[in-house]
Amino acid sequence: MGIFDKAKEQANQAAERVSTIAKAGQAKIEDIQQTRQTDLLFRDLGAAVFAQRTDRASSSTEAEIDSLVDELLEREQSMGPFDLTRQSRHP
């Protein structure tokens, strides 16, 4: 095997490693985006329930809650069970 063949082989191996790393990075980005979107849905659900519990709900709040719960259930089916034990308390 000549020096050029060895260099070409090493370049191909490096390209494969870069591709693997890029795919893993893209998957992580997508996971973070999914988590953020899910967190926003939970936030909206919490705000709607808070409005309901404090007699500030509108006529559409109940339908909004139902819609948010349905969307979260769909996400849970595709993403797996949510960890509902974590609690975030803001000072």
PDB file of N, CA and C in Angstrom:
ATOM      1  N   MET A   1       0.847  -1.165   0.000  1.00  0.00           N
ATOM      2  CA  MET A   1       0.000   0.000   0.000  1.00  0.00           C
ATOM      3  C   MET A   1       0.899   1.237   0.000  1.00  0.00           C
ATOM      4  N   GLY A   2       0.621   2.140  -0.927  1.00  0.00           N
ATOM      5  CA  GLY A   2       1.436   3.342  -1.043  1.00  0.00           C
ATOM      6  C   GLY A   2       1.055   4.396  -0.017  1.00  0.00           C
ATOM      7  N   ILE A   3       1.883   5.400   0.052  1.00  0.00           N
ATOM      8  CA  ILE A   3       1.666   6.480   1.017  1.00  0.00           C
ATOM      9  C   ILE A   3       0.366   7.225   0.739  1.00  0.00           C
ATOM     10  N   PHE A   4       0.013   7.366  -0.541  1.00  0.00           N
ATOM     11  CA  PHE A   4      -1.220   8.054  -0.894  1.00  0.00           C
ATOM     12  C   PHE A   4      -2.436   7.228  -0.503  1.00  0.00           C
ATOM     13  N   ASP A   5      -2.341   5.915  -0.639  1.00  0.00           N
ATOM     14  CA  ASP A   5      -3.442   5.038  -0.234  1.00  0.00           C
ATOM     15  C   ASP A   5      -3.660   5.108   1.273  1.00  0.00           C
ATOM     16  N   LYS A   6      -2.565   5.131   2.020  1.00  0.00           N
ATOM     17  CA  LYS A   6      -2.666   5.235   3.485  1.00  0.00           C
ATOM     18  C   LYS A   6      -3.290   6.574   3.882  1.00  0.00           C
ATOM     19  N   ALA A   7      -2.884   7.634   3.230  1.00  0.00           N
ATOM     20  CA  ALA A   7      -3.419   8.965   3.530  1.00  0.00           C
ATOM     21  C   ALA A   7      -4.912   9.019   3.201  1.00  0.00           C
ATOM     22  N   LYS A   8      -5.286   8.412   2.083  1.00  0.00           N
ATOM     23  CA  LYS A   8      -6.688   8.396   1.681  1.00  0.00           C
ATOM     24  C   LYS A   8      -7.522   7.594   2.691  1.00  0.00           C
ATOM     25  N   GLU A   9      -6.986   6.477   3.139  1.00  0.00           N
ATOM     26  CA  GLU A   9      -7.685   5.646   4.121  1.00  0.00           C
ATOM     27  C   GLU A   9      -7.860   6.405   5.441  1.00  0.00           C
ATOM     28  N   GLN A  10      -6.817   7.085   5.881  1.00  0.00           N
ATOM     29  CA  GLN A  10      -6.898   7.865   7.116  1.00  0.00           C
ATOM     30  C   GLN A  10      -7.902   9.014   6.981  1.00  0.00           C
ATOM     31  N   ALA A  11      -7.930   9.622   5.821  1.00  0.00           N
ATOM     32  CA  ALA A  11      -8.881  10.708   5.574  1.00  0.00           C
ATOM     33  C   ALA A  11     -10.310  10.177   5.607  1.00  0.00           C
ATOM     34  N   ASN A  12     -10.528   9.007   5.035  1.00  0.00           N
ATOM     35  CA  ASN A  12     -11.864   8.401   5.059  1.00  0.00           C
ATOM     36  C   ASN A  12     -12.289   8.054   6.481  1.00  0.00           C
ATOM     37  N   GLN A  13     -11.373   7.512   7.277  1.00  0.00           N
ATOM     38  CA  GLN A  13     -11.679   7.194   8.668  1.00  0.00           C
ATOM     39  C   GLN A  13     -12.005   8.449   9.461  1.00  0.00           C
ATOM     40  N   ALA A  14     -11.246   9.504   9.222  1.00  0.00           N
ATOM     41  CA  ALA A  14     -11.501  10.768   9.911  1.00  0.00           C
ATOM     42  C   ALA A  14     -12.871  11.323   9.514  1.00  0.00           C
ATOM     43  N   ALA A  15     -13.199  11.217   8.240  1.00  0.00           N
ATOM     44  CA  ALA A  15     -14.495  11.699   7.765  1.00  0.00           C
ATOM     45  C   ALA A  15     -15.637  10.917   8.408  1.00  0.00           C
ATOM     46  N   GLU A  16     -15.461   9.621   8.567  1.00  0.00           N
ATOM     47  CA  GLU A  16     -16.483   8.800   9.220  1.00  0.00           C
ATOM     48  C   GLU A  16     -16.658   9.206  10.681  1.00  0.00           C
ATOM     49  N   ARG A  17     -15.553   9.462  11.372  1.00  0.00           N
ATOM     50  CA  ARG A  17     -15.630   9.892  12.777  1.00  0.00           C
ATOM     51  C   ARG A  17     -16.343  11.246  12.893  1.00  0.00           C
ATOM     52  N   VAL A  18     -16.017  12.161  12.003  1.00  0.00           N
ATOM     53  CA  VAL A  18     -16.658  13.472  12.015  1.00  0.00           C
ATOM     54  C   VAL A  18     -18.158  13.325  11.762  1.00  0.00           C
ATOM     55  N   SER A  19     -18.517  12.483  10.829  1.00  0.00           N
ATOM     56  CA  SER A  19     -19.923  12.249  10.524  1.00  0.00           C
ATOM     57  C   SER A  19     -20.662  11.668  11.724  1.00  0.00           C
ATOM     58  N   THR A  20     -20.035  10.715  12.406  1.00  0.00           N
ATOM     59  CA  THR A  20     -20.643  10.106  13.588  1.00  0.00           C
ATOM     60  C   THR A  20     -20.839  11.144  14.689  1.00  0.00           C
ATOM     61  N   ILE A  21     -19.831  11.973  14.901  1.00  0.00           N
ATOM     62  CA  ILE A  21     -19.914  13.018  15.923  1.00  0.00           C
ATOM     63  C   ILE A  21     -21.000  14.033  15.554  1.00  0.00           C
ATOM     64  N   ALA A  22     -21.077  14.400  14.302  1.00  0.00           N
ATOM     65  CA  ALA A  22     -22.080  15.363  13.845  1.00  0.00           C
ATOM     66  C   ALA A  22     -23.490  14.813  14.050  1.00  0.00           C
ATOM     67  N   LYS A  23     -23.689  13.533  13.741  1.00  0.00           N
ATOM     68  CA  LYS A  23     -25.004  12.921  13.933  1.00  0.00           C
ATOM     69  C   LYS A  23     -25.385  12.894  15.410  1.00  0.00           C
ATOM     70  N   ALA A  24     -24.430  12.587  16.261  1.00  0.00           N
ATOM     71  CA  ALA A  24     -24.693  12.570  17.701  1.00  0.00           C
ATOM     72  C   ALA A  24     -25.017  13.982  18.193  1.00  0.00           C
ATOM     73  N   GLY A  25     -24.310  14.972  17.693  1.00  0.00           N
ATOM     74  CA  GLY A  25     -24.575  16.357  18.070  1.00  0.00           C
ATOM     75  C   GLY A  25     -25.945  16.812  17.618  1.00  0.00           C
ATOM     76  N   GLN A  26     -26.332  16.434  16.413  1.00  0.00           N
ATOM     77  CA  GLN A  26     -27.651  16.793  15.891  1.00  0.00           C
ATOM     78  C   GLN A  26     -28.742  16.129  16.716  1.00  0.00           C
ATOM     79  N   ALA A  27     -28.553  14.885  17.103  1.00  0.00           N
ATOM     80  CA  ALA A  27     -29.537  14.186  17.928  1.00  0.00           C
ATOM     81  C   ALA A  27     -29.686  14.873  19.282  1.00  0.00           C
ATOM     82  N   LYS A  28     -28.579  15.325  19.848  1.00  0.00           N
ATOM     83  CA  LYS A  28     -28.616  16.027  21.138  1.00  0.00           C
ATOM     84  C   LYS A  28     -29.360  17.347  21.005  1.00  0.00           C
ATOM     85  N   ILE A  29     -29.118  18.069  19.935  1.00  0.00           N
ATOM     86  CA  ILE A  29     -29.818  19.339  19.694  1.00  0.00           C
ATOM     87  C   ILE A  29     -31.318  19.097  19.577  1.00  0.00           C
ATOM     88  N   GLU A  30     -31.702  18.074  18.826  1.00  0.00           N
ATOM     89  CA  GLU A  30     -33.124  17.760  18.676  1.00  0.00           C
ATOM     90  C   GLU A  30     -33.743  17.382  20.017  1.00  0.00           C
ATOM     91  N   ASP A  31     -33.013  16.651  20.838  1.00  0.00           N
ATOM     92  CA  ASP A  31     -33.495  16.271  22.159  1.00  0.00           C
ATOM     93  C   ASP A  31     -33.710  17.508  23.031  1.00  0.00           C
ATOM     94  N   ILE A  32     -32.769  18.427  22.982  1.00  0.00           N
ATOM     95  CA  ILE A  32     -32.895  19.665  23.762  1.00  0.00           C
ATOM     96  C   ILE A  32     -34.097  20.478  23.294  1.00  0.00           C
ATOM     97  N   GLN A  33     -34.300  20.551  21.986  1.00  0.00           N
ATOM     98  CA  GLN A  33     -35.441  21.292  21.449  1.00  0.00           C
ATOM     99  C   GLN A  33     -36.758  20.652  21.886  1.00  0.00           C
ATOM    100  N   GLN A  34     -36.828  19.325  21.843  1.00  0.00           N
ATOM    101  CA  GLN A  34     -38.030  18.624  22.287  1.00  0.00           C
ATOM    102  C   GLN A  34     -38.297  18.893  23.773  1.00  0.00           C
ATOM    103  N   THR A  35     -37.240  18.865  24.562  1.00  0.00           N
ATOM    104  CA  THR A  35     -37.381  19.116  25.999  1.00  0.00           C
ATOM    105  C   THR A  35     -37.867  20.535  26.254  1.00  0.00           C
ATOM    106  N   ARG A  36     -37.327  21.495  25.542  1.00  0.00           N
ATOM    107  CA  ARG A  36     -37.758  22.893  25.709  1.00  0.00           C
ATOM    108  C   ARG A  36     -39.226  23.059  25.337  1.00  0.00           C
ATOM    109  N   GLN A  37     -39.621  22.456  24.222  1.00  0.00           N
ATOM    110  CA  GLN A  37     -41.012  22.567  23.796  1.00  0.00           C
ATOM    111  C   GLN A  37     -41.946  21.916  24.814  1.00  0.00           C
ATOM    112  N   THR A  38     -41.530  20.791  25.355  1.00  0.00           N
ATOM    113  CA  THR A  38     -42.334  20.113  26.368  1.00  0.00           C
ATOM    114  C   THR A  38     -42.413  20.956  27.636  1.00  0.00           C
ATOM    115  N   ASP A  39     -41.305  21.550  28.041  1.00  0.00           N
ATOM    116  CA  ASP A  39     -41.304  22.430  29.216  1.00  0.00           C
ATOM    117  C   ASP A  39     -42.264  23.610  29.024  1.00  0.00           C
ATOM    118  N   LEU A  40     -42.307  24.164  27.825  1.00  0.00           N
ATOM    119  CA  LEU A  40     -43.231  25.266  27.549  1.00  0.00           C
ATOM    120  C   LEU A  40     -44.684  24.810  27.648  1.00  0.00           C
ATOM    121  N   LEU A  41     -44.954  23.599  27.179  1.00  0.00           N
ATOM    122  CA  LEU A  41     -46.314  23.073  27.298  1.00  0.00           C
ATOM    123  C   LEU A  41     -46.705  22.902  28.767  1.00  0.00           C
ATOM    124  N   PHE A  42     -45.779  22.379  29.575  1.00  0.00           N
ATOM    125  CA  PHE A  42     -46.060  22.237  31.004  1.00  0.00           C
ATOM    126  C   PHE A  42     -46.250  23.609  31.652  1.00  0.00           C
ATOM    127  N   ARG A  43     -45.459  24.575  31.233  1.00  0.00           N
ATOM    128  CA  ARG A  43     -45.601  25.924  31.774  1.00  0.00           C
ATOM    129  C   ARG A  43     -46.980  26.483  31.433  1.00  0.00           C
ATOM    130  N   ASP A  44     -47.399  26.339  30.181  1.00  0.00           N
ATOM    131  CA  ASP A  44     -48.715  26.824  29.769  1.00  0.00           C
ATOM    132  C   ASP A  44     -49.833  26.102  30.519  1.00  0.00           C
ATOM    133  N   LEU A  45     -49.656  24.808  30.715  1.00  0.00           N
ATOM    134  CA  LEU A  45     -50.646  24.038  31.467  1.00  0.00           C
ATOM    135  C   LEU A  45     -50.731  24.547  32.903  1.00  0.00           C
ATOM    136  N   GLY A  46     -49.588  24.770  33.518  1.00  0.00           N
ATOM    137  CA  GLY A  46     -49.568  25.288  34.881  1.00  0.00           C
ATOM    138  C   GLY A  46     -50.234  26.652  34.977  1.00  0.00           C
ATOM    139  N   ALA A  47     -49.970  27.519  34.016  1.00  0.00           N
ATOM    140  CA  ALA A  47     -50.579  28.848  34.022  1.00  0.00           C
ATOM    141  C   ALA A  47     -52.092  28.753  33.869  1.00  0.00           C
ATOM    142  N   ALA A  48     -52.551  27.854  33.021  1.00  0.00           N
ATOM    143  CA  ALA A  48     -53.996  27.688  32.828  1.00  0.00           C
ATOM    144  C   ALA A  48     -54.656  27.134  34.087  1.00  0.00           C
ATOM    145  N   VAL A  49     -54.031  26.167  34.716  1.00  0.00           N
ATOM    146  CA  VAL A  49     -54.581  25.601  35.957  1.00  0.00           C
ATOM    147  C   VAL A  49     -54.561  26.661  37.052  1.00  0.00           C
ATOM    148  N   PHE A  50     -53.498  27.449  37.125  1.00  0.00           N
ATOM    149  CA  PHE A  50     -53.421  28.522  38.113  1.00  0.00           C
ATOM    150  C   PHE A  50     -54.561  29.519  37.906  1.00  0.00           C
ATOM    151  N   ALA A  51     -54.791  29.893  36.659  1.00  0.00           N
ATOM    152  CA  ALA A  51     -55.890  30.816  36.356  1.00  0.00           C
ATOM    153  C   ALA A  51     -57.220  30.213  36.785  1.00  0.00           C
ATOM    154  N   GLN A  52     -57.373  28.932  36.532  1.00  0.00           N
ATOM    155  CA  GLN A  52     -58.605  28.249  36.899  1.00  0.00           C
ATOM    156  C   GLN A  52     -58.785  28.213  38.425  1.00  0.00           C
ATOM    157  N   ARG A  53     -57.734  27.903  39.134  1.00  0.00           N
ATOM    158  CA  ARG A  53     -57.801  27.771  40.595  1.00  0.00           C
ATOM    159  C   ARG A  53     -57.947  29.110  41.306  1.00  0.00           C
ATOM    160  N   THR A  54     -57.596  30.187  40.638  1.00  0.00           N
ATOM    161  CA  THR A  54     -57.678  31.504  41.267  1.00  0.00           C
ATOM    162  C   THR A  54     -58.826  32.336  40.683  1.00  0.00           C
ATOM    163  N   ASP A  55     -59.775  31.644  40.090  1.00  0.00           N
ATOM    164  CA  ASP A  55     -60.973  32.282  39.516  1.00  0.00           C
ATOM    165  C   ASP A  55     -60.651  33.367  38.501  1.00  0.00           C
ATOM    166  N   ARG A  56     -59.586  33.147  37.731  1.00  0.00           N
ATOM    167  CA  ARG A  56     -59.227  34.085  36.663  1.00  0.00           C
ATOM    168  C   ARG A  56     -59.283  33.421  35.296  1.00  0.00           C
ATOM    169  N   ALA A  57     -59.927  32.276  35.228  1.00  0.00           N
ATOM    170  CA  ALA A  57     -60.002  31.540  33.967  1.00  0.00           C
ATOM    171  C   ALA A  57     -60.985  32.210  33.019  1.00  0.00           C
ATOM    172  N   SER A  58     -60.710  32.067  31.747  1.00  0.00           N
ATOM    173  CA  SER A  58     -61.648  32.558  30.729  1.00  0.00           C
ATOM    174  C   SER A  58     -62.564  31.403  30.335  1.00  0.00           C
ATOM    175  N   SER A  59     -63.461  31.677  29.445  1.00  0.00           N
ATOM    176  CA  SER A  59     -64.385  30.633  29.002  1.00  0.00           C
ATOM    177  C   SER A  59     -63.673  29.542  28.195  1.00  0.00           C
ATOM    178  N   SER A  60     -62.483  29.837  27.712  1.00  0.00           N
ATOM    179  CA  SER A  60     -61.761  28.851  26.901  1.00  0.00           C
ATOM    180  C   SER A  60     -60.673  28.107  27.685  1.00  0.00           C
ATOM    181  N   THR A  61     -60.515  28.416  28.963  1.00  0.00           N
ATOM    182  CA  THR A  61     -59.428  27.818  29.742  1.00  0.00           C
ATOM    183  C   THR A  61     -59.559  26.308  29.840  1.00  0.00           C
ATOM    184  N   GLU A  62     -60.754  25.802  30.084  1.00  0.00           N
ATOM    185  CA  GLU A  62     -60.944  24.352  30.208  1.00  0.00           C
ATOM    186  C   GLU A  62     -60.553  23.638  28.911  1.00  0.00           C
ATOM    187  N   ALA A  63     -60.946  24.202  27.779  1.00  0.00           N
ATOM    188  CA  ALA A  63     -60.582  23.611  26.483  1.00  0.00           C
ATOM    189  C   ALA A  63     -59.072  23.704  26.258  1.00  0.00           C
ATOM    190  N   GLU A  64     -58.457  24.797  26.710  1.00  0.00           N
ATOM    191  CA  GLU A  64     -57.006  24.955  26.590  1.00  0.00           C
ATOM    192  C   GLU A  64     -56.285  23.888  27.417  1.00  0.00           C
ATOM    193  N   ILE A  65     -56.769  23.653  28.628  1.00  0.00           N
ATOM    194  CA  ILE A  65     -56.169  22.625  29.486  1.00  0.00           C
ATOM    195  C   ILE A  65     -56.288  21.259  28.821  1.00  0.00           C
ATOM    196  N   ASP A  66     -57.468  20.947  28.306  1.00  0.00           N
ATOM    197  CA  ASP A  66     -57.664  19.656  27.629  1.00  0.00           C
ATOM    198  C   ASP A  66     -56.714  19.506  26.450  1.00  0.00           C
ATOM    199  N   SER A  67     -56.555  20.568  25.667  1.00  0.00           N
ATOM    200  CA  SER A  67     -55.682  20.531  24.497  1.00  0.00           C
ATOM    201  C   SER A  67     -54.221  20.336  24.907  1.00  0.00           C
ATOM    202  N   LEU A  68     -53.781  21.041  25.944  1.00  0.00           N
ATOM    203  CA  LEU A  68     -52.404  20.905  26.411  1.00  0.00           C
ATOM    204  C   LEU A  68     -52.135  19.501  26.958  1.00  0.00           C
ATOM    205  N   VAL A  69     -53.083  18.967  27.705  1.00  0.00           N
ATOM    206  CA  VAL A  69     -52.922  17.606  28.231  1.00  0.00           C
ATOM    207  C   VAL A  69     -52.842  16.614  27.076  1.00  0.00           C
ATOM    208  N   ASP A  70     -53.692  16.774  26.076  1.00  0.00           N
ATOM    209  CA  ASP A  70     -53.655  15.872  24.910  1.00  0.00           C
ATOM    210  C   ASP A  70     -52.309  15.952  24.203  1.00  0.00           C
ATOM    211  N   GLU A  71     -51.803  17.167  24.019  1.00  0.00           N
ATOM    212  CA  GLU A  71     -50.511  17.327  23.344  1.00  0.00           C
ATOM    213  C   GLU A  71     -49.375  16.713  24.166  1.00  0.00           C
ATOM    214  N   LEU A  72     -49.423  16.890  25.479  1.00  0.00           N
ATOM    215  CA  LEU A  72     -48.399  16.292  26.336  1.00  0.00           C
ATOM    216  C   LEU A  72     -48.477  14.767  26.311  1.00  0.00           C
ATOM    217  N   LEU A  73     -49.674  14.223  26.277  1.00  0.00           N
ATOM    218  CA  LEU A  73     -49.819  12.762  26.189  1.00  0.00           C
ATOM    219  C   LEU A  73     -49.250  12.231  24.877  1.00  0.00           C
ATOM    220  N   GLU A  74     -49.476  12.951  23.790  1.00  0.00           N
ATOM    221  CA  GLU A  74     -48.910  12.545  22.500  1.00  0.00           C
ATOM    222  C   GLU A  74     -47.379  12.573  22.546  1.00  0.00           C
ATOM    223  N   ARG A  75     -46.830  13.625  23.134  1.00  0.00           N
ATOM    224  CA  ARG A  75     -45.372  13.718  23.253  1.00  0.00           C
ATOM    225  C   ARG A  75     -44.827  12.591  24.120  1.00  0.00           C
ATOM    226  N   GLU A  76     -45.546  12.282  25.179  1.00  0.00           N
ATOM    227  CA  GLU A  76     -45.088  11.230  26.077  1.00  0.00           C
ATOM    228  C   GLU A  76     -45.070   9.881  25.360  1.00  0.00           C
ATOM    229  N   GLN A  77     -46.016   9.651  24.470  1.00  0.00           N
ATOM    230  CA  GLN A  77     -46.019   8.403  23.705  1.00  0.00           C
ATOM    231  C   GLN A  77     -44.802   8.308  22.796  1.00  0.00           C
ATOM    232  N   SER A  78     -44.392   9.419  22.225  1.00  0.00           N
ATOM    233  CA  SER A  78     -43.247   9.372  21.304  1.00  0.00           C
ATOM    234  C   SER A  78     -41.907   9.509  22.026  1.00  0.00           C
ATOM    235  N   MET A  79     -41.885  10.204  23.167  1.00  0.00           N
ATOM    236  CA  MET A  79     -40.623  10.468  23.856  1.00  0.00           C
ATOM    237  C   MET A  79     -40.382   9.542  25.044  1.00  0.00           C
ATOM    238  N   GLY A  80     -41.422   8.881  25.510  1.00  0.00           N
ATOM    239  CA  GLY A  80     -41.300   8.075  26.716  1.00  0.00           C
ATOM    240  C   GLY A  80     -41.858   8.836  27.904  1.00  0.00           C
ATOM    241  N   PRO A  81     -41.998   8.155  29.026  1.00  0.00           N
ATOM    242  CA  PRO A  81     -42.607   8.787  30.207  1.00  0.00           C
ATOM    243  C   PRO A  81     -41.819  10.012  30.683  1.00  0.00           C
ATOM    244  N   PHE A  82     -42.561  11.040  31.086  1.00  0.00           N
ATOM    245  CA  PHE A  82     -41.941  12.244  31.628  1.00  0.00           C
ATOM    246  C   PHE A  82     -41.540  12.001  33.068  1.00  0.00           C
ATOM    247  N   ASP A  83     -40.452  12.629  33.480  1.00  0.00           N
ATOM    248  CA  ASP A  83     -40.032  12.592  34.877  1.00  0.00           C
ATOM    249  C   ASP A  83     -40.777  13.710  35.593  1.00  0.00           C
ATOM    250  N   LEU A  84     -41.840  13.344  36.281  1.00  0.00           N
ATOM    251  CA  LEU A  84     -42.669  14.342  36.952  1.00  0.00           C
ATOM    252  C   LEU A  84     -42.233  14.578  38.393  1.00  0.00           C
ATOM    253  N   THR A  85     -41.145  13.958  38.797  1.00  0.00           N
ATOM    254  CA  THR A  85     -40.686  14.105  40.178  1.00  0.00           C
ATOM    255  C   THR A  85     -39.821  15.345  40.363  1.00  0.00           C
ATOM    256  N   ARG A  86     -39.239  15.840  39.287  1.00  0.00           N
ATOM    257  CA  ARG A  86     -38.368  16.998  39.440  1.00  0.00           C
ATOM    258  C   ARG A  86     -39.231  18.220  39.726  1.00  0.00           C
ATOM    259  N   GLN A  87     -38.796  18.975  40.652  1.00  0.00           N
ATOM    260  CA  GLN A  87     -39.551  20.180  41.025  1.00  0.00           C
ATOM    261  C   GLN A  87     -38.629  21.372  40.925  1.00  0.00           C
ATOM    262  N   SER A  88     -39.085  22.362  40.226  1.00  0.00           N
ATOM    263  CA  SER A  88     -38.314  23.584  40.075  1.00  0.00           C
ATOM    264  C   SER A  88     -39.026  24.682  40.838  1.00  0.00           C
ATOM    265  N   ARG A  89     -38.383  25.162  41.835  1.00  0.00           N
ATOM    266  CA  ARG A  89     -38.935  26.258  42.628  1.00  0.00           C
ATOM    267  C   ARG A  89     -38.078  27.494  42.364  1.00  0.00           C
ATOM    268  N   HIS A  90     -38.731  28.516  41.909  1.00  0.00           N
ATOM    269  CA  HIS A  90     -38.010  29.756  41.642  1.00  0.00           C
ATOM    270  C   HIS A  90     -38.079  30.636  42.879  1.00  0.00           C
ATOM    271  N   PRO A  91     -36.964  31.262  43.234  1.00  0.00           N
ATOM    272  CA  PRO A  91     -36.962  32.117  44.426  1.00  0.00           C
ATOM    273  C   PRO A  91     -37.884  33.304  44.286  1.00  0.00           C
TER     274      PRO A  91
END
